[in-house]
Amino acid sequence: MLSIFSLPTAPPSFETVIALGVFDGVHIGHAALLCETARRAKALGIKAAVFTFSDFFKSKAPLTDKEERFALMEALGIEVVFTVSFDFVKDLSPAAFVKDILQGTCRARLAACGFNFHFGKNAEAQAEDLVRLLPGSFVMPAVYAEGAPVSSSRIRLLLEQGKVEEAASLLGRPYSVLSPVVYGKGLGNEMGFPTANMKPKTLLPAPGVYETGVQIGEKTFAAITDVGTRPTVEGEGEVRMETHIPSFSGDLYGKELRVCFIRRLREEKKFKTLAALQAQLKKDIASIGAKKG
């Protein structure tokens, strides 16, 4: 089971090989770094760990919620996570960060980071400085896909363009969001297409209608998910996310669902009549091979 330490904390009783970073999305580049961290820790007979921030995303929505991020880390062999507020370390010199935080608090025998990692006050130190300050540490080179380095910012841009399939290839899995089902206005029910309304705290892909898979408990259901302002029934307004699960009937209010984006079916558009919208929704459902329940 993953052990989580929130700094400031007393040093643990064990030594670590520790990977440093935000790890937003835990994409295939992150996976390479984390797997190598776990491999080296196992060879040394010590714990594989991660040092990351608890509050890095203040001005934008992250790609992964904490639950998913930690679960993905654990699946890649990470045993310990140290989390800290950015303010707690932002004014430390590179040398103090390594000595006091990594070696002192996290008991790191060696550390690992990506090729573009920066640390210390004003991000003045680079990846190679980590190796100099903590000998034996290593820097993971970039992982390339389609001729360019894989990065969280690149995945974010793809999602903002609605290119969920391309984003999935860089993540190593379909992009997903987690949220409890909240009460809406019941418009989907009135049209014969009941929807689960959700307000995830992670990034929503571009407005449009998507083929999705929805995890409810241990089961996954085929679904269509609309991200947008519902222009046919409400006009312009707040961007919302609502999911119709054709083969499911029952009360989902308050339940937490994970919605995995598989492909974008179409852009969001305003239909002239509700009947035209209903006809299009039937086509959307048919295109994913699901039946309206």
C-alpha atoms as a PDB file:
ATOM      1  CA  MET A   1       0.000   0.000   0.000  1.00  0.00           C
ATOM      2  CA  LEU A   2       1.224   3.486  -0.874  1.00  0.00           C
ATOM      3  CA  SER A   3       2.533   5.467   2.114  1.00  0.00           C
ATOM      4  CA  ILE A   4       1.948   9.235   2.006  1.00  0.00           C
ATOM      5  CA  PHE A   5       3.908  11.779   4.057  1.00  0.00           C
ATOM      6  CA  SER A   6       2.963  15.468   4.188  1.00  0.00           C
ATOM      7  CA  LEU A   7       5.884  17.798   4.867  1.00  0.00           C
ATOM      8  CA  PRO A   8       6.946  19.075   7.333  1.00  0.00           C
ATOM      9  CA  THR A   9       7.274  15.638   8.884  1.00  0.00           C
ATOM     10  CA  ALA A  10       9.786  13.563  10.786  1.00  0.00           C
ATOM     11  CA  PRO A  11      12.118  11.569   8.512  1.00  0.00           C
ATOM     12  CA  PRO A  12      10.980   7.978   7.919  1.00  0.00           C
ATOM     13  CA  SER A  13      12.955   4.998   9.177  1.00  0.00           C
ATOM     14  CA  PHE A  14      13.904   3.921   5.643  1.00  0.00           C
ATOM     15  CA  GLU A  15      16.061   5.295   2.817  1.00  0.00           C
ATOM     16  CA  THR A  16      14.654   6.169  -0.600  1.00  0.00           C
ATOM     17  CA  VAL A  17      15.366   6.617  -4.248  1.00  0.00           C
ATOM     18  CA  ILE A  18      13.171   9.634  -4.933  1.00  0.00           C
ATOM     19  CA  ALA A  19      11.695  10.965  -8.189  1.00  0.00           C
ATOM     20  CA  LEU A  20      11.018  14.700  -8.299  1.00  0.00           C
ATOM     21  CA  GLY A  21       8.251  16.452 -10.190  1.00  0.00           C
ATOM     22  CA  VAL A  22       4.632  17.499 -10.447  1.00  0.00           C
ATOM     23  CA  PHE A  23       3.725  14.423 -12.527  1.00  0.00           C
ATOM     24  CA  ASP A  24       0.510  15.967 -13.840  1.00  0.00           C
ATOM     25  CA  GLY A  25      -1.170  13.353 -16.006  1.00  0.00           C
ATOM     26  CA  VAL A  26       1.433  10.678 -15.186  1.00  0.00           C
ATOM     27  CA  HIS A  27       2.073  10.331 -18.933  1.00  0.00           C
ATOM     28  CA  ILE A  28       4.398   7.889 -20.696  1.00  0.00           C
ATOM     29  CA  GLY A  29       7.411  10.132 -20.050  1.00  0.00           C
ATOM     30  CA  HIS A  30       6.631  10.201 -16.336  1.00  0.00           C
ATOM     31  CA  ALA A  31       6.098   6.442 -16.417  1.00  0.00           C
ATOM     32  CA  ALA A  32       9.608   5.896 -17.788  1.00  0.00           C
ATOM     33  CA  LEU A  33      11.077   7.975 -14.944  1.00  0.00           C
ATOM     34  CA  LEU A  34       8.995   6.299 -12.239  1.00  0.00           C
ATOM     35  CA  CYS A  35       9.726   2.786 -13.493  1.00  0.00           C
ATOM     36  CA  GLU A  36      13.456   3.519 -13.518  1.00  0.00           C
ATOM     37  CA  THR A  37      13.178   4.946  -9.998  1.00  0.00           C
ATOM     38  CA  ALA A  38      11.466   1.750  -8.833  1.00  0.00           C
ATOM     39  CA  ARG A  39      14.063  -0.421 -10.586  1.00  0.00           C
ATOM     40  CA  ARG A  40      16.992   1.358  -8.942  1.00  0.00           C
ATOM     41  CA  ALA A  41      15.341   1.324  -5.530  1.00  0.00           C
ATOM     42  CA  LYS A  42      14.749  -2.417  -5.786  1.00  0.00           C
ATOM     43  CA  ALA A  43      18.383  -2.982  -6.786  1.00  0.00           C
ATOM     44  CA  LEU A  44      19.500  -1.063  -3.689  1.00  0.00           C
ATOM     45  CA  GLY A  45      16.977  -2.725  -1.400  1.00  0.00           C
ATOM     46  CA  ILE A  46      15.345   0.581  -0.406  1.00  0.00           C
ATOM     47  CA  LYS A  47      12.018   2.349  -1.049  1.00  0.00           C
ATOM     48  CA  ALA A  48      10.931   3.909  -4.345  1.00  0.00           C
ATOM     49  CA  ALA A  49       9.523   7.361  -3.604  1.00  0.00           C
ATOM     50  CA  VAL A  50       8.131  10.518  -5.200  1.00  0.00           C
ATOM     51  CA  PHE A  51       8.482  14.119  -4.053  1.00  0.00           C
ATOM     52  CA  THR A  52       5.653  16.291  -5.374  1.00  0.00           C
ATOM     53  CA  PHE A  53       3.551  19.344  -4.562  1.00  0.00           C
ATOM     54  CA  SER A  54       0.186  19.350  -2.832  1.00  0.00           C
ATOM     55  CA  ASP A  55      -0.950  22.729  -4.151  1.00  0.00           C
ATOM     56  CA  PHE A  56       0.750  23.335  -7.478  1.00  0.00           C
ATOM     57  CA  PHE A  57      -2.455  23.934  -9.466  1.00  0.00           C
ATOM     58  CA  LYS A  58      -3.823  27.240  -8.257  1.00  0.00           C
ATOM     59  CA  SER A  59      -4.628  28.947 -11.553  1.00  0.00           C
ATOM     60  CA  LYS A  60      -5.517  26.038 -13.843  1.00  0.00           C
ATOM     61  CA  ALA A  61      -7.250  22.690 -13.673  1.00  0.00           C
ATOM     62  CA  PRO A  62      -4.907  19.691 -13.449  1.00  0.00           C
ATOM     63  CA  LEU A  63      -4.937  16.716 -15.813  1.00  0.00           C
ATOM     64  CA  THR A  64      -5.308  14.209 -12.988  1.00  0.00           C
ATOM     65  CA  ASP A  65      -7.030  14.269  -9.630  1.00  0.00           C
ATOM     66  CA  LYS A  66      -4.926  13.260  -6.637  1.00  0.00           C
ATOM     67  CA  GLU A  67      -6.582   9.855  -6.368  1.00  0.00           C
ATOM     68  CA  GLU A  68      -5.718   8.906  -9.939  1.00  0.00           C
ATOM     69  CA  ARG A  69      -2.240  10.414  -9.806  1.00  0.00           C
ATOM     70  CA  PHE A  70      -1.266   8.430  -6.720  1.00  0.00           C
ATOM     71  CA  ALA A  71      -2.867   5.221  -8.014  1.00  0.00           C
ATOM     72  CA  LEU A  72      -0.905   5.471 -11.256  1.00  0.00           C
ATOM     73  CA  MET A  73       2.320   6.074  -9.349  1.00  0.00           C
ATOM     74  CA  GLU A  74       1.713   3.030  -7.182  1.00  0.00           C
ATOM     75  CA  ALA A  75       0.993   0.869 -10.238  1.00  0.00           C
ATOM     76  CA  LEU A  76       4.413   1.862 -11.608  1.00  0.00           C
ATOM     77  CA  GLY A  77       6.222   0.664  -8.497  1.00  0.00           C
ATOM     78  CA  ILE A  78       6.242   3.746  -6.261  1.00  0.00           C
ATOM     79  CA  GLU A  79       5.893   2.886  -2.573  1.00  0.00           C
ATOM     80  CA  VAL A  80       6.104   6.291  -0.865  1.00  0.00           C
ATOM     81  CA  VAL A  81       4.920   9.799  -1.752  1.00  0.00           C
ATOM     82  CA  PHE A  82       6.128  12.960  -0.029  1.00  0.00           C
ATOM     83  CA  THR A  83       3.842  15.938  -0.621  1.00  0.00           C
ATOM     84  CA  VAL A  84       4.581  19.537   0.288  1.00  0.00           C
ATOM     85  CA  SER A  85       3.189  23.017  -0.224  1.00  0.00           C
ATOM     86  CA  PHE A  86       5.173  24.902  -2.853  1.00  0.00           C
ATOM     87  CA  ASP A  87       5.571  27.822  -0.427  1.00  0.00           C
ATOM     88  CA  PHE A  88       7.384  25.540   2.007  1.00  0.00           C
ATOM     89  CA  VAL A  89      10.341  25.030  -0.354  1.00  0.00           C
ATOM     90  CA  LYS A  90      10.195  27.847  -2.906  1.00  0.00           C
ATOM     91  CA  ASP A  91      12.797  30.058  -1.186  1.00  0.00           C
ATOM     92  CA  LEU A  92      15.335  27.316  -0.460  1.00  0.00           C
ATOM     93  CA  SER A  93      18.644  27.373  -2.294  1.00  0.00           C
ATOM     94  CA  PRO A  94      19.335  24.315  -4.449  1.00  0.00           C
ATOM     95  CA  ALA A  95      21.906  23.056  -1.934  1.00  0.00           C
ATOM     96  CA  ALA A  96      19.537  23.515   1.015  1.00  0.00           C
ATOM     97  CA  PHE A  97      16.731  21.778  -0.838  1.00  0.00           C
ATOM     98  CA  VAL A  98      18.891  18.740  -1.509  1.00  0.00           C
ATOM     99  CA  LYS A  99      20.498  18.590   1.952  1.00  0.00           C
ATOM    100  CA  ASP A 100      17.575  19.544   4.182  1.00  0.00           C
ATOM    101  CA  ILE A 101      14.585  18.215   2.252  1.00  0.00           C
ATOM    102  CA  LEU A 102      15.743  15.354   0.059  1.00  0.00           C
ATOM    103  CA  GLN A 103      18.502  13.915   2.224  1.00  0.00           C
ATOM    104  CA  GLY A 104      17.268  15.150   5.595  1.00  0.00           C
ATOM    105  CA  THR A 105      13.491  14.729   5.522  1.00  0.00           C
ATOM    106  CA  CYS A 106      13.001  12.243   2.664  1.00  0.00           C
ATOM    107  CA  ARG A 107      16.166  10.237   3.420  1.00  0.00           C
ATOM    108  CA  ALA A 108      17.083  10.108  -0.269  1.00  0.00           C
ATOM    109  CA  ARG A 109      20.197   8.145  -1.116  1.00  0.00           C
ATOM    110  CA  LEU A 110      19.796   9.342  -4.684  1.00  0.00           C
ATOM    111  CA  ALA A 111      17.221  11.267  -6.694  1.00  0.00           C
ATOM    112  CA  ALA A 112      15.742  11.221 -10.182  1.00  0.00           C
ATOM    113  CA  CYS A 113      14.217  13.893 -12.395  1.00  0.00           C
ATOM    114  CA  GLY A 114      13.236  14.643 -15.964  1.00  0.00           C
ATOM    115  CA  PHE A 115      15.488  16.402 -18.467  1.00  0.00           C
ATOM    116  CA  ASN A 116      13.652  19.735 -18.042  1.00  0.00           C
ATOM    117  CA  PHE A 117      13.495  19.769 -14.230  1.00  0.00           C
ATOM    118  CA  HIS A 118      14.327  22.975 -12.325  1.00  0.00           C
ATOM    119  CA  PHE A 119      14.533  23.517  -8.579  1.00  0.00           C
ATOM    120  CA  GLY A 120      15.691  25.904  -5.874  1.00  0.00           C
ATOM    121  CA  LYS A 121      14.781  29.552  -5.356  1.00  0.00           C
ATOM    122  CA  ASN A 122      13.571  31.140  -8.605  1.00  0.00           C
ATOM    123  CA  ALA A 123      14.063  27.706 -10.258  1.00  0.00           C
ATOM    124  CA  GLU A 124      17.747  28.582 -10.625  1.00  0.00           C
ATOM    125  CA  ALA A 125      19.082  25.004 -10.628  1.00  0.00           C
ATOM    126  CA  GLN A 126      18.705  22.534 -13.480  1.00  0.00           C
ATOM    127  CA  ALA A 127      18.650  18.757 -13.735  1.00  0.00           C
ATOM    128  CA  GLU A 128      22.420  18.407 -13.955  1.00  0.00           C
ATOM    129  CA  ASP A 129      22.764  20.369 -10.699  1.00  0.00           C
ATOM    130  CA  LEU A 130      20.809  17.645  -8.930  1.00  0.00           C
ATOM    131  CA  VAL A 131      23.395  15.078 -10.006  1.00  0.00           C
ATOM    132  CA  ARG A 132      26.198  17.368  -8.827  1.00  0.00           C
ATOM    133  CA  LEU A 133      24.623  18.012  -5.409  1.00  0.00           C
ATOM    134  CA  LEU A 134      23.509  14.414  -4.833  1.00  0.00           C
ATOM    135  CA  PRO A 135      25.986  12.089  -6.575  1.00  0.00           C
ATOM    136  CA  GLY A 136      24.460   8.937  -8.008  1.00  0.00           C
ATOM    137  CA  SER A 137      21.273  10.726  -8.999  1.00  0.00           C
ATOM    138  CA  PHE A 138      20.093  10.423 -12.581  1.00  0.00           C
ATOM    139  CA  VAL A 139      18.270  12.448 -15.231  1.00  0.00           C
ATOM    140  CA  MET A 140      15.698  10.780 -17.487  1.00  0.00           C
ATOM    141  CA  PRO A 141      15.947  11.932 -21.114  1.00  0.00           C
ATOM    142  CA  ALA A 142      12.850  13.029 -22.987  1.00  0.00           C
ATOM    143  CA  VAL A 143      10.437  10.415 -24.297  1.00  0.00           C
ATOM    144  CA  TYR A 144       9.434  11.270 -27.866  1.00  0.00           C
ATOM    145  CA  ALA A 145       6.159  10.673 -29.698  1.00  0.00           C
ATOM    146  CA  GLU A 146       5.440  11.871 -33.231  1.00  0.00           C
ATOM    147  CA  GLY A 147       8.797  13.659 -33.294  1.00  0.00           C
ATOM    148  CA  ALA A 148       8.318  15.794 -30.165  1.00  0.00           C
ATOM    149  CA  PRO A 149       8.906  15.318 -26.423  1.00  0.00           C
ATOM    150  CA  VAL A 150       5.951  14.087 -24.412  1.00  0.00           C
ATOM    151  CA  SER A 151       4.899  16.673 -21.821  1.00  0.00           C
ATOM    152  CA  SER A 152       1.914  17.614 -19.686  1.00  0.00           C
ATOM    153  CA  SER A 153       1.587  20.942 -21.537  1.00  0.00           C
ATOM    154  CA  ARG A 154       1.456  19.138 -24.886  1.00  0.00           C
ATOM    155  CA  ILE A 155      -1.296  16.838 -23.609  1.00  0.00           C
ATOM    156  CA  ARG A 156      -3.185  19.820 -22.203  1.00  0.00           C
ATOM    157  CA  LEU A 157      -3.114  21.520 -25.602  1.00  0.00           C
ATOM    158  CA  LEU A 158      -4.421  18.381 -27.337  1.00  0.00           C
ATOM    159  CA  LEU A 159      -7.323  18.134 -24.888  1.00  0.00           C
ATOM    160  CA  GLU A 160      -8.151  21.813 -25.329  1.00  0.00           C
ATOM    161  CA  GLN A 161      -8.431  21.026 -29.042  1.00  0.00           C
ATOM    162  CA  GLY A 162     -10.671  18.020 -28.421  1.00  0.00           C
ATOM    163  CA  LYS A 163      -8.012  15.573 -29.645  1.00  0.00           C
ATOM    164  CA  VAL A 164      -8.612  12.980 -26.952  1.00  0.00           C
ATOM    165  CA  GLU A 165      -7.270  10.050 -28.992  1.00  0.00           C
ATOM    166  CA  GLU A 166      -3.937  11.799 -29.543  1.00  0.00           C
ATOM    167  CA  ALA A 167      -3.830  12.719 -25.850  1.00  0.00           C
ATOM    168  CA  ALA A 168      -4.461   9.073 -24.926  1.00  0.00           C
ATOM    169  CA  SER A 169      -1.436   7.964 -26.929  1.00  0.00           C
ATOM    170  CA  LEU A 170       0.784  10.275 -24.846  1.00  0.00           C
ATOM    171  CA  LEU A 171      -0.867   9.369 -21.565  1.00  0.00           C
ATOM    172  CA  GLY A 172      -0.735   5.647 -22.231  1.00  0.00           C
ATOM    173  CA  ARG A 173      -4.481   5.386 -21.454  1.00  0.00           C
ATOM    174  CA  PRO A 174      -7.706   7.280 -22.233  1.00  0.00           C
ATOM    175  CA  TYR A 175      -8.001  10.677 -20.576  1.00  0.00           C
ATOM    176  CA  SER A 176     -10.500  10.540 -17.700  1.00  0.00           C
ATOM    177  CA  VAL A 177     -12.175  12.752 -15.125  1.00  0.00           C
ATOM    178  CA  LEU A 178     -13.644  11.868 -11.726  1.00  0.00           C
ATOM    179  CA  SER A 179     -16.626  13.630 -10.183  1.00  0.00           C
ATOM    180  CA  PRO A 180     -19.728  13.015  -8.096  1.00  0.00           C
ATOM    181  CA  VAL A 181     -23.043  13.283  -9.933  1.00  0.00           C
ATOM    182  CA  VAL A 182     -24.809  16.543  -9.097  1.00  0.00           C
ATOM    183  CA  TYR A 183     -28.361  17.761  -9.644  1.00  0.00           C
ATOM    184  CA  GLY A 184     -29.067  19.504 -12.944  1.00  0.00           C
ATOM    185  CA  LYS A 185     -32.220  20.997 -14.438  1.00  0.00           C
ATOM    186  CA  GLY A 186     -33.648  17.666 -15.618  1.00  0.00           C
ATOM    187  CA  LEU A 187     -33.669  18.741 -19.276  1.00  0.00           C
ATOM    188  CA  GLY A 188     -32.200  15.442 -20.435  1.00  0.00           C
ATOM    189  CA  ASN A 189     -34.989  13.513 -18.717  1.00  0.00           C
ATOM    190  CA  GLU A 190     -37.616  15.675 -20.395  1.00  0.00           C
ATOM    191  CA  MET A 191     -36.088  14.846 -23.793  1.00  0.00           C
ATOM    192  CA  GLY A 192     -35.896  11.110 -23.090  1.00  0.00           C
ATOM    193  CA  PHE A 193     -32.116  11.090 -22.621  1.00  0.00           C
ATOM    194  CA  PRO A 194     -31.401  11.242 -18.866  1.00  0.00           C
ATOM    195  CA  THR A 195     -27.924  12.478 -18.060  1.00  0.00           C
ATOM    196  CA  ALA A 196     -25.525  12.433 -15.147  1.00  0.00           C
ATOM    197  CA  ASN A 197     -24.391  16.004 -14.531  1.00  0.00           C
ATOM    198  CA  MET A 198     -20.825  16.329 -13.283  1.00  0.00           C
ATOM    199  CA  LYS A 199     -18.442  19.100 -12.251  1.00  0.00           C
ATOM    200  CA  PRO A 200     -14.928  17.645 -12.241  1.00  0.00           C
ATOM    201  CA  LYS A 201     -12.062  19.709 -10.876  1.00  0.00           C
ATOM    202  CA  THR A 202      -9.708  18.436 -13.553  1.00  0.00           C
ATOM    203  CA  LEU A 203      -9.393  19.785 -17.088  1.00  0.00           C
ATOM    204  CA  LEU A 204     -12.368  19.318 -19.409  1.00  0.00           C
ATOM    205  CA  PRO A 205     -11.612  18.673 -23.074  1.00  0.00           C
ATOM    206  CA  ALA A 206     -12.873  21.074 -25.735  1.00  0.00           C
ATOM    207  CA  PRO A 207     -16.638  21.493 -26.094  1.00  0.00           C
ATOM    208  CA  GLY A 208     -18.199  18.697 -28.113  1.00  0.00           C
ATOM    209  CA  VAL A 209     -19.860  15.315 -27.912  1.00  0.00           C
ATOM    210  CA  TYR A 210     -17.623  12.372 -27.064  1.00  0.00           C
ATOM    211  CA  GLU A 211     -17.786   8.617 -26.952  1.00  0.00           C
ATOM    212  CA  THR A 212     -16.910   7.724 -23.375  1.00  0.00           C
ATOM    213  CA  GLY A 213     -16.683   4.821 -20.979  1.00  0.00           C
ATOM    214  CA  VAL A 214     -18.179   5.349 -17.523  1.00  0.00           C
ATOM    215  CA  GLN A 215     -17.028   3.397 -14.499  1.00  0.00           C
ATOM    216  CA  ILE A 216     -19.828   2.730 -12.013  1.00  0.00           C
ATOM    217  CA  GLY A 217     -18.509   0.547  -9.228  1.00  0.00           C
ATOM    218  CA  GLU A 218     -16.779  -2.416 -10.836  1.00  0.00           C
ATOM    219  CA  LYS A 219     -18.565  -2.065 -14.172  1.00  0.00           C
ATOM    220  CA  THR A 220     -17.863   0.112 -17.219  1.00  0.00           C
ATOM    221  CA  PHE A 221     -20.682   1.308 -19.463  1.00  0.00           C
ATOM    222  CA  ALA A 222     -20.609   2.756 -22.989  1.00  0.00           C
ATOM    223  CA  ALA A 223     -21.841   6.343 -22.961  1.00  0.00           C
ATOM    224  CA  ILE A 224     -21.925   9.663 -24.758  1.00  0.00           C
ATOM    225  CA  THR A 225     -20.732  12.769 -22.961  1.00  0.00           C
ATOM    226  CA  ASP A 226     -21.470  16.359 -23.855  1.00  0.00           C
ATOM    227  CA  VAL A 227     -19.058  19.093 -22.825  1.00  0.00           C
ATOM    228  CA  GLY A 228     -20.383  22.561 -23.509  1.00  0.00           C
ATOM    229  CA  THR A 229     -23.077  25.145 -22.880  1.00  0.00           C
ATOM    230  CA  ARG A 230     -26.122  23.243 -24.233  1.00  0.00           C
ATOM    231  CA  PRO A 231     -26.849  25.950 -26.855  1.00  0.00           C
ATOM    232  CA  THR A 232     -30.072  24.350 -28.159  1.00  0.00           C
ATOM    233  CA  VAL A 233     -31.850  24.389 -24.792  1.00  0.00           C
ATOM    234  CA  GLU A 234     -30.039  27.081 -22.819  1.00  0.00           C
ATOM    235  CA  GLY A 235     -28.019  29.270 -25.158  1.00  0.00           C
ATOM    236  CA  GLU A 236     -24.587  30.457 -24.089  1.00  0.00           C
ATOM    237  CA  GLY A 237     -23.484  30.087 -20.497  1.00  0.00           C
ATOM    238  CA  GLU A 238     -21.361  28.002 -18.169  1.00  0.00           C
ATOM    239  CA  VAL A 239     -19.491  25.068 -19.682  1.00  0.00           C
ATOM    240  CA  ARG A 240     -20.996  21.874 -18.304  1.00  0.00           C
ATOM    241  CA  MET A 241     -20.383  18.159 -18.571  1.00  0.00           C
ATOM    242  CA  GLU A 242     -23.217  15.656 -18.760  1.00  0.00           C
ATOM    243  CA  THR A 243     -23.162  11.987 -19.617  1.00  0.00           C
ATOM    244  CA  HIS A 244     -25.912   9.756 -21.006  1.00  0.00           C
ATOM    245  CA  ILE A 245     -25.474   6.043 -20.297  1.00  0.00           C
ATOM    246  CA  PRO A 246     -27.909   4.204 -22.622  1.00  0.00           C
ATOM    247  CA  SER A 247     -27.736   0.793 -20.909  1.00  0.00           C
ATOM    248  CA  PHE A 248     -28.019   2.047 -17.333  1.00  0.00           C
ATOM    249  CA  SER A 249     -31.083   2.994 -15.340  1.00  0.00           C
ATOM    250  CA  GLY A 250     -31.038   3.961 -11.694  1.00  0.00           C
ATOM    251  CA  ASP A 251     -30.210   6.756  -9.293  1.00  0.00           C
ATOM    252  CA  LEU A 252     -26.656   8.083  -9.634  1.00  0.00           C
ATOM    253  CA  TYR A 253     -26.969  11.285  -7.597  1.00  0.00           C
ATOM    254  CA  GLY A 254     -24.055  11.654  -5.206  1.00  0.00           C
ATOM    255  CA  LYS A 255     -22.175   8.684  -6.648  1.00  0.00           C
ATOM    256  CA  GLU A 256     -18.649   9.261  -7.911  1.00  0.00           C
ATOM    257  CA  LEU A 257     -18.105   8.320 -11.529  1.00  0.00           C
ATOM    258  CA  ARG A 258     -14.987   8.153 -13.662  1.00  0.00           C
ATOM    259  CA  VAL A 259     -15.596   9.129 -17.272  1.00  0.00           C
ATOM    260  CA  CYS A 260     -12.980   8.045 -19.833  1.00  0.00           C
ATOM    261  CA  PHE A 261     -12.906   9.979 -23.112  1.00  0.00           C
ATOM    262  CA  ILE A 262     -12.472   7.622 -26.089  1.00  0.00           C
ATOM    263  CA  ARG A 263     -13.081   9.791 -29.161  1.00  0.00           C
ATOM    264  CA  ARG A 264     -14.760  13.012 -30.195  1.00  0.00           C
ATOM    265  CA  LEU A 265     -17.912  12.338 -32.184  1.00  0.00           C
ATOM    266  CA  ARG A 266     -18.710  15.909 -33.209  1.00  0.00           C
ATOM    267  CA  GLU A 267     -18.529  19.548 -32.254  1.00  0.00           C
ATOM    268  CA  GLU A 268     -21.210  21.083 -30.093  1.00  0.00           C
ATOM    269  CA  LYS A 269     -23.827  22.861 -32.201  1.00  0.00           C
ATOM    270  CA  LYS A 270     -27.145  24.619 -31.849  1.00  0.00           C
ATOM    271  CA  PHE A 271     -30.041  22.758 -33.441  1.00  0.00           C
ATOM    272  CA  LYS A 272     -33.100  24.541 -34.793  1.00  0.00           C
ATOM    273  CA  THR A 273     -35.527  22.321 -32.878  1.00  0.00           C
ATOM    274  CA  LEU A 274     -35.480  19.894 -29.964  1.00  0.00           C
ATOM    275  CA  ALA A 275     -36.637  17.188 -32.366  1.00  0.00           C
ATOM    276  CA  ALA A 276     -33.513  17.730 -34.469  1.00  0.00           C
ATOM    277  CA  LEU A 277     -31.351  17.474 -31.339  1.00  0.00           C
ATOM    278  CA  GLN A 278     -33.102  14.263 -30.293  1.00  0.00           C
ATOM    279  CA  ALA A 279     -32.547  12.757 -33.739  1.00  0.00           C
ATOM    280  CA  GLN A 280     -28.837  13.613 -33.567  1.00  0.00           C
ATOM    281  CA  LEU A 281     -28.518  12.083 -30.089  1.00  0.00           C
ATOM    282  CA  LYS A 282     -29.980   8.827 -31.429  1.00  0.00           C
ATOM    283  CA  LYS A 283     -27.329   8.863 -34.156  1.00  0.00           C
ATOM    284  CA  ASP A 284     -24.614   9.550 -31.576  1.00  0.00           C
ATOM    285  CA  ILE A 285     -25.750   6.563 -29.505  1.00  0.00           C
ATOM    286  CA  ALA A 286     -25.880   4.327 -32.571  1.00  0.00           C
ATOM    287  CA  SER A 287     -22.335   5.358 -33.502  1.00  0.00           C
ATOM    288  CA  ILE A 288     -20.945   3.942 -30.236  1.00  0.00           C
ATOM    289  CA  GLY A 289     -22.839   0.663 -30.595  1.00  0.00           C
ATOM    290  CA  ALA A 290     -24.978   1.267 -27.539  1.00  0.00           C
ATOM    291  CA  LYS A 291     -28.724   0.984 -27.210  1.00  0.00           C
ATOM    292  CA  LYS A 292     -30.921   3.558 -25.528  1.00  0.00           C
ATOM    293  CA  GLY A 293     -32.148   2.054 -22.247  1.00  0.00           C
END
